[in-house]
Amino acid sequence: MGALAWLLFPLVAAVGAGLWGSWANRTRKARSDGPELDGYARFREAMEKPRTGA
């Protein structure tokens, strides 16, 4: 019976990981990379500006 319990632990963990992965990915389809790309574009513009001051 103890061996059966040790075999069930990975199975329960795998099912839990699958449920968590599907829950964590639920809004990714609706969300695009727009905000991240906009932030990166602002960062690049700031880095390309010449430095003024001392």
N, C-alpha and C. Protein backbone atom coordinates (compact mmCIF):
# COMPACT_ATOMS: atom_id res chain seq x y z
N MET A 1 0.82 -1.20 0.00
CA MET A 1 0.00 0.00 0.00
C MET A 1 0.86 1.26 0.00
N GLY A 2 2.01 1.19 0.68
CA GLY A 2 2.91 2.35 0.71
C GLY A 2 3.47 2.66 -0.68
N ALA A 3 3.75 1.59 -1.45
CA ALA A 3 4.26 1.81 -2.80
C ALA A 3 3.22 2.48 -3.68
N LEU A 4 1.97 2.12 -3.49
CA LEU A 4 0.90 2.74 -4.27
C LEU A 4 0.79 4.23 -3.95
N ALA A 5 0.96 4.57 -2.69
CA ALA A 5 0.92 5.98 -2.31
C ALA A 5 2.06 6.75 -2.97
N TRP A 6 3.26 6.17 -3.02
CA TRP A 6 4.39 6.84 -3.66
C TRP A 6 4.20 6.97 -5.16
N LEU A 7 3.45 6.08 -5.76
CA LEU A 7 3.15 6.21 -7.19
C LEU A 7 2.07 7.25 -7.45
N LEU A 8 1.20 7.46 -6.48
CA LEU A 8 0.13 8.44 -6.66
C LEU A 8 0.63 9.87 -6.48
N PHE A 9 1.68 10.09 -5.69
CA PHE A 9 2.20 11.45 -5.50
C PHE A 9 2.58 12.12 -6.81
N PRO A 10 3.39 11.48 -7.67
CA PRO A 10 3.71 12.14 -8.96
C PRO A 10 2.49 12.34 -9.85
N LEU A 11 1.56 11.40 -9.79
CA LEU A 11 0.35 11.54 -10.60
C LEU A 11 -0.47 12.75 -10.14
N VAL A 12 -0.65 12.89 -8.86
CA VAL A 12 -1.39 14.04 -8.33
C VAL A 12 -0.65 15.34 -8.64
N ALA A 13 0.68 15.31 -8.53
CA ALA A 13 1.47 16.50 -8.84
C ALA A 13 1.35 16.87 -10.31
N ALA A 14 1.35 15.89 -11.20
CA ALA A 14 1.23 16.16 -12.62
C ALA A 14 -0.15 16.74 -12.96
N VAL A 15 -1.19 16.20 -12.35
CA VAL A 15 -2.53 16.72 -12.59
C VAL A 15 -2.63 18.15 -12.05
N GLY A 16 -2.07 18.38 -10.87
CA GLY A 16 -2.08 19.72 -10.30
C GLY A 16 -1.32 20.71 -11.16
N ALA A 17 -0.16 20.28 -11.69
CA ALA A 17 0.62 21.16 -12.56
C ALA A 17 -0.14 21.47 -13.85
N GLY A 18 -0.83 20.49 -14.39
CA GLY A 18 -1.62 20.73 -15.59
C GLY A 18 -2.76 21.70 -15.35
N LEU A 19 -3.44 21.54 -14.22
CA LEU A 19 -4.52 22.48 -13.89
C LEU A 19 -3.99 23.88 -13.66
N TRP A 20 -2.88 23.99 -12.95
CA TRP A 20 -2.30 25.32 -12.71
C TRP A 20 -1.84 25.95 -14.03
N GLY A 21 -1.23 25.16 -14.91
CA GLY A 21 -0.78 25.69 -16.20
C GLY A 21 -1.93 26.19 -17.05
N SER A 22 -3.02 25.45 -17.07
CA SER A 22 -4.17 25.90 -17.85
C SER A 22 -4.80 27.15 -17.22
N TRP A 23 -4.81 27.23 -15.89
CA TRP A 23 -5.35 28.41 -15.22
C TRP A 23 -4.45 29.62 -15.46
N ALA A 24 -3.13 29.43 -15.40
CA ALA A 24 -2.21 30.54 -15.58
C ALA A 24 -2.22 31.06 -17.02
N ASN A 25 -2.56 30.21 -17.96
CA ASN A 25 -2.53 30.58 -19.37
C ASN A 25 -3.90 31.03 -19.88
N ARG A 26 -4.87 31.19 -19.00
CA ARG A 26 -6.24 31.46 -19.44
C ARG A 26 -6.40 32.81 -20.10
N THR A 27 -5.64 33.83 -19.70
CA THR A 27 -5.80 35.15 -20.28
C THR A 27 -4.74 35.47 -21.33
N ARG A 28 -3.80 34.59 -21.53
CA ARG A 28 -2.72 34.88 -22.46
C ARG A 28 -3.21 34.95 -23.90
N LYS A 29 -4.24 34.21 -24.23
CA LYS A 29 -4.76 34.23 -25.60
C LYS A 29 -5.36 35.60 -25.94
N ALA A 30 -6.00 36.22 -24.96
CA ALA A 30 -6.66 37.50 -25.21
C ALA A 30 -5.66 38.65 -25.16
N ARG A 31 -4.58 38.47 -24.46
CA ARG A 31 -3.61 39.55 -24.28
C ARG A 31 -2.49 39.43 -25.31
N SER A 32 -2.11 40.53 -25.89
CA SER A 32 -1.04 40.50 -26.88
C SER A 32 0.24 41.03 -26.24
N ASP A 33 1.26 41.16 -27.03
CA ASP A 33 2.54 41.68 -26.55
C ASP A 33 2.63 43.19 -26.67
N GLY A 34 1.53 43.85 -26.94
CA GLY A 34 1.53 45.29 -27.16
C GLY A 34 2.16 46.10 -26.04
N PRO A 35 1.72 45.95 -24.80
CA PRO A 35 2.30 46.78 -23.73
C PRO A 35 3.79 46.52 -23.53
N GLU A 36 4.22 45.27 -23.65
CA GLU A 36 5.64 44.97 -23.48
C GLU A 36 6.47 45.58 -24.60
N LEU A 37 5.96 45.50 -25.82
CA LEU A 37 6.69 46.06 -26.95
C LEU A 37 6.73 47.57 -26.89
N ASP A 38 5.66 48.19 -26.41
CA ASP A 38 5.65 49.65 -26.25
C ASP A 38 6.69 50.08 -25.22
N GLY A 39 6.77 49.34 -24.12
CA GLY A 39 7.77 49.66 -23.10
C GLY A 39 9.18 49.49 -23.63
N TYR A 40 9.40 48.44 -24.42
CA TYR A 40 10.73 48.22 -24.99
C TYR A 40 11.09 49.33 -25.98
N ALA A 41 10.13 49.80 -26.74
CA ALA A 41 10.39 50.89 -27.69
C ALA A 41 10.76 52.17 -26.94
N ARG A 42 10.07 52.46 -25.84
CA ARG A 42 10.42 53.63 -25.04
C ARG A 42 11.83 53.48 -24.45
N PHE A 43 12.17 52.29 -24.01
CA PHE A 43 13.50 52.04 -23.46
C PHE A 43 14.57 52.26 -24.53
N ARG A 44 14.35 51.75 -25.73
CA ARG A 44 15.33 51.93 -26.80
C ARG A 44 15.49 53.40 -27.16
N GLU A 45 14.39 54.12 -27.22
CA GLU A 45 14.47 55.55 -27.53
C GLU A 45 15.28 56.29 -26.46
N ALA A 46 15.07 55.93 -25.22
CA ALA A 46 15.81 56.58 -24.13
C ALA A 46 17.30 56.24 -24.20
N MET A 47 17.63 55.04 -24.59
CA MET A 47 19.04 54.64 -24.67
C MET A 47 19.73 55.26 -25.88
N GLU A 48 18.98 55.57 -26.93
CA GLU A 48 19.59 56.15 -28.13
C GLU A 48 19.81 57.65 -28.02
N LYS A 49 19.13 58.30 -27.08
CA LYS A 49 19.31 59.74 -26.92
C LYS A 49 20.72 60.02 -26.40
N PRO A 50 21.33 61.09 -26.92
CA PRO A 50 22.65 61.43 -26.40
C PRO A 50 22.54 61.92 -24.97
N ARG A 51 23.54 61.59 -24.22
CA ARG A 51 23.56 61.98 -22.80
C ARG A 51 23.93 63.44 -22.67
N THR A 52 23.14 64.18 -21.91
CA THR A 52 23.45 65.59 -21.67
C THR A 52 23.81 65.77 -20.22
N GLY A 53 24.71 66.64 -19.94
CA GLY A 53 25.10 66.90 -18.56
C GLY A 53 26.53 66.42 -18.31
N ALA A 54 26.90 66.44 -17.06
CA ALA A 54 28.27 66.10 -16.70
C ALA A 54 28.49 64.64 -16.57
